[in-house]
Amino acid sequence: MNHYEQEYFDFCLEAMVHGHIITSAGRQMLKYGERQVPFHRALWNYCHRDDPVLSTEVIHHKNGCHLDNRVENLEKMTAGEHNQLHVEKIRQLHTEGQPYPYKTRGPSKQLKKKKYERKYPDSY
């Protein structure tokens, strides 16, 4: 663990004791002073002090619910493993003919077009 990772780890432990939880963009954040940390990362570091999250690692929610921060629902893995896990899930759903279950980054073109058609019905 390098100096910055140790500082982050120490902050997580301090925030778990003295911080408070806020919700931002559908995720729980732990706020302490002026800094914020994702609650699931702080919780992992607090419960697994002998195996802290490094800067190259992520914490995955096994059931896909970002608000379910039970320790048994969290799993530490590298960013590459995490991406591969989601790619495999998408491929599996695609072969089964199911829709993509995760939020996209913005409204689709079809949705934007429908909103425009409702707002300006005479233009089509």
N, C-alpha and C. Protein backbone atom coordinates (compact mmCIF):
# COMPACT_ATOMS: atom_id res chain seq x y z
N MET A 1 0.86 -1.17 0.00
CA MET A 1 0.00 0.00 0.00
C MET A 1 0.90 1.23 0.00
N ASN A 2 0.68 2.11 -0.98
CA ASN A 2 1.50 3.32 -1.04
C ASN A 2 0.96 4.39 -0.07
N HIS A 3 1.64 5.52 -0.02
CA HIS A 3 1.30 6.59 0.91
C HIS A 3 -0.14 7.09 0.71
N TYR A 4 -0.55 7.30 -0.55
CA TYR A 4 -1.89 7.83 -0.84
C TYR A 4 -2.97 6.81 -0.48
N GLU A 5 -2.70 5.54 -0.76
CA GLU A 5 -3.67 4.50 -0.40
C GLU A 5 -3.80 4.39 1.12
N GLN A 6 -2.68 4.54 1.84
CA GLN A 6 -2.72 4.51 3.31
C GLN A 6 -3.52 5.70 3.84
N GLU A 7 -3.32 6.86 3.25
CA GLU A 7 -4.07 8.05 3.66
C GLU A 7 -5.57 7.86 3.41
N TYR A 8 -5.92 7.27 2.25
CA TYR A 8 -7.32 7.00 1.92
C TYR A 8 -7.91 6.00 2.91
N PHE A 9 -7.15 4.95 3.22
CA PHE A 9 -7.60 3.93 4.16
C PHE A 9 -7.86 4.56 5.53
N ASP A 10 -6.94 5.38 6.01
CA ASP A 10 -7.10 6.05 7.30
C ASP A 10 -8.33 6.96 7.29
N PHE A 11 -8.54 7.67 6.17
CA PHE A 11 -9.71 8.54 6.06
C PHE A 11 -11.00 7.71 6.13
N CYS A 12 -11.02 6.55 5.46
CA CYS A 12 -12.21 5.68 5.48
C CYS A 12 -12.55 5.26 6.91
N LEU A 13 -11.54 4.87 7.66
CA LEU A 13 -11.77 4.45 9.05
C LEU A 13 -12.31 5.61 9.89
N GLU A 14 -11.72 6.78 9.71
CA GLU A 14 -12.16 7.95 10.46
C GLU A 14 -13.58 8.35 10.06
N ALA A 15 -13.89 8.28 8.77
CA ALA A 15 -15.21 8.66 8.28
C ALA A 15 -16.29 7.69 8.77
N MET A 16 -15.95 6.40 8.89
CA MET A 16 -16.92 5.42 9.39
C MET A 16 -17.34 5.75 10.82
N VAL A 17 -16.44 6.32 11.58
CA VAL A 17 -16.73 6.63 12.98
C VAL A 17 -17.41 7.99 13.13
N HIS A 18 -16.93 8.99 12.39
CA HIS A 18 -17.39 10.37 12.61
C HIS A 18 -18.21 10.96 11.47
N GLY A 19 -18.28 10.30 10.33
CA GLY A 19 -18.95 10.87 9.16
C GLY A 19 -20.44 10.62 9.16
N HIS A 20 -21.12 11.10 8.13
CA HIS A 20 -22.54 10.84 7.96
C HIS A 20 -22.80 10.49 6.50
N ILE A 21 -23.89 9.76 6.29
CA ILE A 21 -24.21 9.25 4.95
C ILE A 21 -25.07 10.26 4.21
N ILE A 22 -24.71 10.50 2.97
CA ILE A 22 -25.53 11.29 2.06
C ILE A 22 -25.76 10.45 0.81
N THR A 23 -26.77 10.77 0.05
CA THR A 23 -27.04 10.05 -1.19
C THR A 23 -26.77 10.98 -2.36
N SER A 24 -25.99 10.49 -3.31
CA SER A 24 -25.63 11.28 -4.47
C SER A 24 -25.70 10.39 -5.70
N ALA A 25 -26.54 10.76 -6.66
CA ALA A 25 -26.68 10.01 -7.92
C ALA A 25 -27.01 8.55 -7.67
N GLY A 26 -27.87 8.27 -6.71
CA GLY A 26 -28.31 6.91 -6.45
C GLY A 26 -27.31 6.06 -5.69
N ARG A 27 -26.28 6.66 -5.16
CA ARG A 27 -25.27 5.92 -4.39
C ARG A 27 -25.10 6.58 -3.03
N GLN A 28 -24.80 5.76 -2.04
CA GLN A 28 -24.56 6.29 -0.71
C GLN A 28 -23.10 6.72 -0.60
N MET A 29 -22.91 7.95 -0.12
CA MET A 29 -21.57 8.49 0.07
C MET A 29 -21.40 8.78 1.56
N LEU A 30 -20.20 8.62 2.04
CA LEU A 30 -19.88 8.93 3.42
C LEU A 30 -19.13 10.25 3.43
N LYS A 31 -19.70 11.24 4.11
CA LYS A 31 -19.10 12.58 4.14
C LYS A 31 -18.50 12.82 5.51
N TYR A 32 -17.27 13.28 5.49
CA TYR A 32 -16.58 13.64 6.72
C TYR A 32 -15.74 14.86 6.43
N GLY A 33 -16.05 15.97 7.08
CA GLY A 33 -15.38 17.22 6.76
C GLY A 33 -15.76 17.64 5.35
N GLU A 34 -14.78 18.00 4.56
CA GLU A 34 -15.02 18.42 3.18
C GLU A 34 -14.89 17.26 2.19
N ARG A 35 -14.47 16.10 2.65
CA ARG A 35 -14.23 14.97 1.75
C ARG A 35 -15.39 14.00 1.76
N GLN A 36 -15.51 13.27 0.65
CA GLN A 36 -16.52 12.22 0.52
C GLN A 36 -15.85 10.96 0.01
N VAL A 37 -16.43 9.83 0.38
CA VAL A 37 -15.95 8.54 -0.08
C VAL A 37 -17.19 7.66 -0.30
N PRO A 38 -17.21 6.82 -1.34
CA PRO A 38 -18.34 5.91 -1.50
C PRO A 38 -18.47 5.03 -0.25
N PHE A 39 -19.68 4.93 0.26
CA PHE A 39 -19.90 4.22 1.52
C PHE A 39 -19.42 2.78 1.45
N HIS A 40 -19.64 2.09 0.31
CA HIS A 40 -19.27 0.68 0.22
C HIS A 40 -17.75 0.50 0.29
N ARG A 41 -16.98 1.45 -0.22
CA ARG A 41 -15.51 1.36 -0.12
C ARG A 41 -15.06 1.58 1.32
N ALA A 42 -15.65 2.57 1.98
CA ALA A 42 -15.30 2.83 3.39
C ALA A 42 -15.69 1.64 4.26
N LEU A 43 -16.86 1.06 4.01
CA LEU A 43 -17.31 -0.09 4.78
C LEU A 43 -16.38 -1.28 4.58
N TRP A 44 -15.97 -1.53 3.34
CA TRP A 44 -15.04 -2.62 3.07
C TRP A 44 -13.73 -2.42 3.86
N ASN A 45 -13.18 -1.21 3.77
CA ASN A 45 -11.93 -0.94 4.48
C ASN A 45 -12.10 -1.06 5.99
N TYR A 46 -13.27 -0.69 6.49
CA TYR A 46 -13.52 -0.77 7.93
C TYR A 46 -13.64 -2.23 8.38
N CYS A 47 -14.31 -3.06 7.59
CA CYS A 47 -14.54 -4.45 7.97
C CYS A 47 -13.40 -5.38 7.58
N HIS A 48 -12.60 -5.00 6.60
CA HIS A 48 -11.49 -5.82 6.13
C HIS A 48 -10.18 -5.04 6.26
N ARG A 49 -9.83 -4.71 7.47
CA ARG A 49 -8.64 -3.88 7.70
C ARG A 49 -7.36 -4.56 7.24
N ASP A 50 -7.37 -5.89 7.20
CA ASP A 50 -6.19 -6.61 6.74
C ASP A 50 -6.15 -6.75 5.22
N ASP A 51 -7.22 -6.36 4.53
CA ASP A 51 -7.30 -6.48 3.07
C ASP A 51 -7.97 -5.24 2.48
N PRO A 52 -7.34 -4.05 2.59
CA PRO A 52 -7.98 -2.81 2.14
C PRO A 52 -8.08 -2.73 0.61
N VAL A 53 -8.98 -1.87 0.16
CA VAL A 53 -9.17 -1.63 -1.27
C VAL A 53 -8.02 -0.75 -1.77
N LEU A 54 -7.32 -1.24 -2.79
CA LEU A 54 -6.24 -0.45 -3.39
C LEU A 54 -6.81 0.42 -4.50
N SER A 55 -6.01 1.34 -5.00
CA SER A 55 -6.49 2.26 -6.03
C SER A 55 -6.80 1.54 -7.35
N THR A 56 -6.25 0.35 -7.55
CA THR A 56 -6.49 -0.42 -8.78
C THR A 56 -7.66 -1.38 -8.64
N GLU A 57 -8.35 -1.34 -7.50
CA GLU A 57 -9.42 -2.29 -7.23
C GLU A 57 -10.76 -1.58 -7.07
N VAL A 58 -11.83 -2.34 -7.24
CA VAL A 58 -13.18 -1.82 -7.07
C VAL A 58 -13.95 -2.74 -6.13
N ILE A 59 -15.04 -2.22 -5.59
CA ILE A 59 -15.94 -3.03 -4.78
C ILE A 59 -17.21 -3.25 -5.60
N HIS A 60 -17.53 -4.51 -5.83
CA HIS A 60 -18.68 -4.89 -6.66
C HIS A 60 -19.85 -5.28 -5.75
N HIS A 61 -21.04 -4.82 -6.09
CA HIS A 61 -22.26 -5.23 -5.40
C HIS A 61 -22.77 -6.49 -6.09
N LYS A 62 -22.73 -7.62 -5.41
CA LYS A 62 -23.06 -8.90 -6.02
C LYS A 62 -24.48 -8.94 -6.60
N ASN A 63 -25.43 -8.34 -5.89
CA ASN A 63 -26.82 -8.40 -6.37
C ASN A 63 -27.18 -7.24 -7.30
N GLY A 64 -26.23 -6.36 -7.60
CA GLY A 64 -26.46 -5.26 -8.54
C GLY A 64 -27.12 -4.04 -7.94
N CYS A 65 -27.53 -4.11 -6.68
CA CYS A 65 -28.19 -2.97 -6.03
C CYS A 65 -27.14 -2.13 -5.31
N HIS A 66 -26.92 -0.90 -5.78
CA HIS A 66 -25.88 -0.04 -5.21
C HIS A 66 -26.22 0.46 -3.82
N LEU A 67 -27.47 0.36 -3.42
CA LEU A 67 -27.85 0.79 -2.08
C LEU A 67 -27.79 -0.34 -1.06
N ASP A 68 -27.55 -1.58 -1.51
CA ASP A 68 -27.45 -2.73 -0.62
C ASP A 68 -25.98 -2.90 -0.23
N ASN A 69 -25.60 -2.25 0.86
CA ASN A 69 -24.20 -2.25 1.27
C ASN A 69 -23.91 -3.23 2.40
N ARG A 70 -24.67 -4.31 2.46
CA ARG A 70 -24.34 -5.35 3.44
C ARG A 70 -22.97 -5.94 3.07
N VAL A 71 -22.17 -6.25 4.06
CA VAL A 71 -20.82 -6.74 3.82
C VAL A 71 -20.85 -8.01 2.96
N GLU A 72 -21.82 -8.88 3.19
CA GLU A 72 -21.90 -10.13 2.41
C GLU A 72 -22.30 -9.90 0.95
N ASN A 73 -22.76 -8.70 0.62
CA ASN A 73 -23.12 -8.37 -0.76
C ASN A 73 -21.96 -7.69 -1.51
N LEU A 74 -20.86 -7.43 -0.81
CA LEU A 74 -19.74 -6.73 -1.41
C LEU A 74 -18.62 -7.71 -1.75
N GLU A 75 -17.95 -7.44 -2.87
CA GLU A 75 -16.85 -8.28 -3.33
C GLU A 75 -15.77 -7.39 -3.92
N LYS A 76 -14.52 -7.61 -3.49
CA LYS A 76 -13.40 -6.83 -4.00
C LYS A 76 -12.82 -7.52 -5.23
N MET A 77 -12.53 -6.73 -6.27
CA MET A 77 -11.91 -7.28 -7.48
C MET A 77 -11.18 -6.16 -8.21
N THR A 78 -10.37 -6.55 -9.18
CA THR A 78 -9.69 -5.53 -9.98
C THR A 78 -10.70 -4.90 -10.94
N ALA A 79 -10.35 -3.74 -11.46
CA ALA A 79 -11.23 -3.05 -12.41
C ALA A 79 -11.44 -3.91 -13.65
N GLY A 80 -10.40 -4.60 -14.12
CA GLY A 80 -10.53 -5.47 -15.29
C GLY A 80 -11.47 -6.63 -15.05
N GLU A 81 -11.37 -7.26 -13.89
CA GLU A 81 -12.29 -8.35 -13.53
C GLU A 81 -13.73 -7.85 -13.46
N HIS A 82 -13.89 -6.65 -12.91
CA HIS A 82 -15.22 -6.07 -12.77
C HIS A 82 -15.84 -5.79 -14.15
N ASN A 83 -15.06 -5.21 -15.05
CA ASN A 83 -15.56 -4.95 -16.40
C ASN A 83 -15.92 -6.25 -17.11
N GLN A 84 -15.07 -7.26 -16.99
CA GLN A 84 -15.32 -8.54 -17.63
C GLN A 84 -16.60 -9.18 -17.09
N LEU A 85 -16.82 -9.06 -15.79
CA LEU A 85 -18.03 -9.60 -15.17
C LEU A 85 -19.28 -8.98 -15.78
N HIS A 86 -19.27 -7.67 -15.98
CA HIS A 86 -20.43 -7.00 -16.54
C HIS A 86 -20.59 -7.29 -18.04
N VAL A 87 -19.49 -7.42 -18.76
CA VAL A 87 -19.56 -7.78 -20.18
C VAL A 87 -20.19 -9.16 -20.33
N GLU A 88 -19.78 -10.11 -19.49
CA GLU A 88 -20.35 -11.46 -19.55
C GLU A 88 -21.84 -11.44 -19.23
N LYS A 89 -22.24 -10.62 -18.24
CA LYS A 89 -23.66 -10.51 -17.88
C LYS A 89 -24.47 -9.94 -19.04
N ILE A 90 -23.93 -8.93 -19.71
CA ILE A 90 -24.62 -8.32 -20.85
C ILE A 90 -24.77 -9.33 -21.98
N ARG A 91 -23.70 -10.09 -22.26
CA ARG A 91 -23.77 -11.11 -23.31
C ARG A 91 -24.80 -12.17 -22.99
N GLN A 92 -24.86 -12.59 -21.72
CA GLN A 92 -25.83 -13.61 -21.30
C GLN A 92 -27.25 -13.09 -21.49
N LEU A 93 -27.51 -11.87 -21.08
CA LEU A 93 -28.85 -11.30 -21.23
C LEU A 93 -29.21 -11.14 -22.70
N HIS A 94 -28.22 -10.74 -23.52
CA HIS A 94 -28.46 -10.56 -24.95
C HIS A 94 -28.84 -11.88 -25.61
N THR A 95 -28.15 -12.96 -25.27
CA THR A 95 -28.47 -14.26 -25.87
C THR A 95 -29.83 -14.77 -25.40
N GLU A 96 -30.24 -14.36 -24.21
CA GLU A 96 -31.56 -14.76 -23.70
C GLU A 96 -32.67 -13.83 -24.20
N GLY A 97 -32.29 -12.77 -24.92
CA GLY A 97 -33.27 -11.84 -25.46
C GLY A 97 -33.83 -10.88 -24.43
N GLN A 98 -33.13 -10.69 -23.32
CA GLN A 98 -33.60 -9.78 -22.28
C GLN A 98 -32.97 -8.40 -22.46
N PRO A 99 -33.65 -7.35 -22.00
CA PRO A 99 -33.11 -6.00 -22.14
C PRO A 99 -31.95 -5.76 -21.18
N TYR A 100 -31.17 -4.76 -21.51
CA TYR A 100 -30.04 -4.37 -20.68
C TYR A 100 -30.56 -3.83 -19.35
N PRO A 101 -30.15 -4.40 -18.20
CA PRO A 101 -30.78 -4.04 -16.92
C PRO A 101 -30.23 -2.78 -16.26
N TYR A 102 -29.12 -2.24 -16.74
CA TYR A 102 -28.50 -1.11 -16.07
C TYR A 102 -28.89 0.20 -16.74
N LYS A 103 -28.81 1.27 -15.97
CA LYS A 103 -29.12 2.59 -16.52
C LYS A 103 -28.08 2.97 -17.57
N THR A 104 -28.54 3.65 -18.58
CA THR A 104 -27.60 4.20 -19.55
C THR A 104 -27.21 5.60 -19.09
N ARG A 105 -26.27 6.20 -19.75
CA ARG A 105 -25.77 7.51 -19.32
C ARG A 105 -26.72 8.66 -19.65
N GLY A 106 -27.68 8.44 -20.51
CA GLY A 106 -28.61 9.50 -20.86
C GLY A 106 -29.79 8.94 -21.62
N PRO A 107 -30.78 9.76 -21.90
CA PRO A 107 -31.95 9.27 -22.62
C PRO A 107 -31.60 8.84 -24.04
N SER A 108 -32.26 7.81 -24.50
CA SER A 108 -32.01 7.31 -25.85
C SER A 108 -32.55 8.29 -26.88
N LYS A 109 -32.12 8.13 -28.13
CA LYS A 109 -32.60 8.99 -29.21
C LYS A 109 -34.10 8.83 -29.39
N GLN A 110 -34.61 7.58 -29.23
CA GLN A 110 -36.04 7.35 -29.38
C GLN A 110 -36.83 8.11 -28.31
N LEU A 111 -36.32 8.11 -27.08
CA LEU A 111 -37.00 8.81 -26.00
C LEU A 111 -36.99 10.32 -26.25
N LYS A 112 -35.86 10.84 -26.69
CA LYS A 112 -35.78 12.27 -27.00
C LYS A 112 -36.76 12.63 -28.11
N LYS A 113 -36.87 11.75 -29.13
CA LYS A 113 -37.77 12.00 -30.24
C LYS A 113 -39.23 12.01 -29.76
N LYS A 114 -39.60 11.06 -28.89
CA LYS A 114 -40.97 11.00 -28.37
C LYS A 114 -41.31 12.26 -27.58
N LYS A 115 -40.36 12.73 -26.76
CA LYS A 115 -40.60 13.95 -25.99
C LYS A 115 -40.79 15.14 -26.92
N TYR A 116 -39.97 15.21 -27.97
CA TYR A 116 -40.08 16.29 -28.94
C TYR A 116 -41.41 16.23 -29.66
N GLU A 117 -41.86 15.03 -30.04
CA GLU A 117 -43.14 14.87 -30.74
C GLU A 117 -44.30 15.28 -29.85
N ARG A 118 -44.21 14.99 -28.54
CA ARG A 118 -45.28 15.40 -27.62
C ARG A 118 -45.29 16.92 -27.45
N LYS A 119 -44.10 17.52 -27.42
CA LYS A 119 -44.01 18.95 -27.21
C LYS A 119 -44.41 19.73 -28.46
N TYR A 120 -44.06 19.20 -29.63
CA TYR A 120 -44.36 19.87 -30.90
C TYR A 120 -45.10 18.87 -31.83
N PRO A 121 -46.37 18.60 -31.56
CA PRO A 121 -47.09 17.57 -32.31
C PRO A 121 -47.30 17.93 -33.78
N ASP A 122 -47.31 19.18 -34.13
CA ASP A 122 -47.58 19.57 -35.52
C ASP A 122 -46.34 19.48 -36.41
N SER A 123 -45.18 19.24 -35.84
CA SER A 123 -43.96 19.24 -36.64
C SER A 123 -43.73 17.92 -37.37
N TYR A 124 -44.51 16.87 -37.04
CA TYR A 124 -44.34 15.56 -37.72
C TYR A 124 -45.55 15.20 -38.54
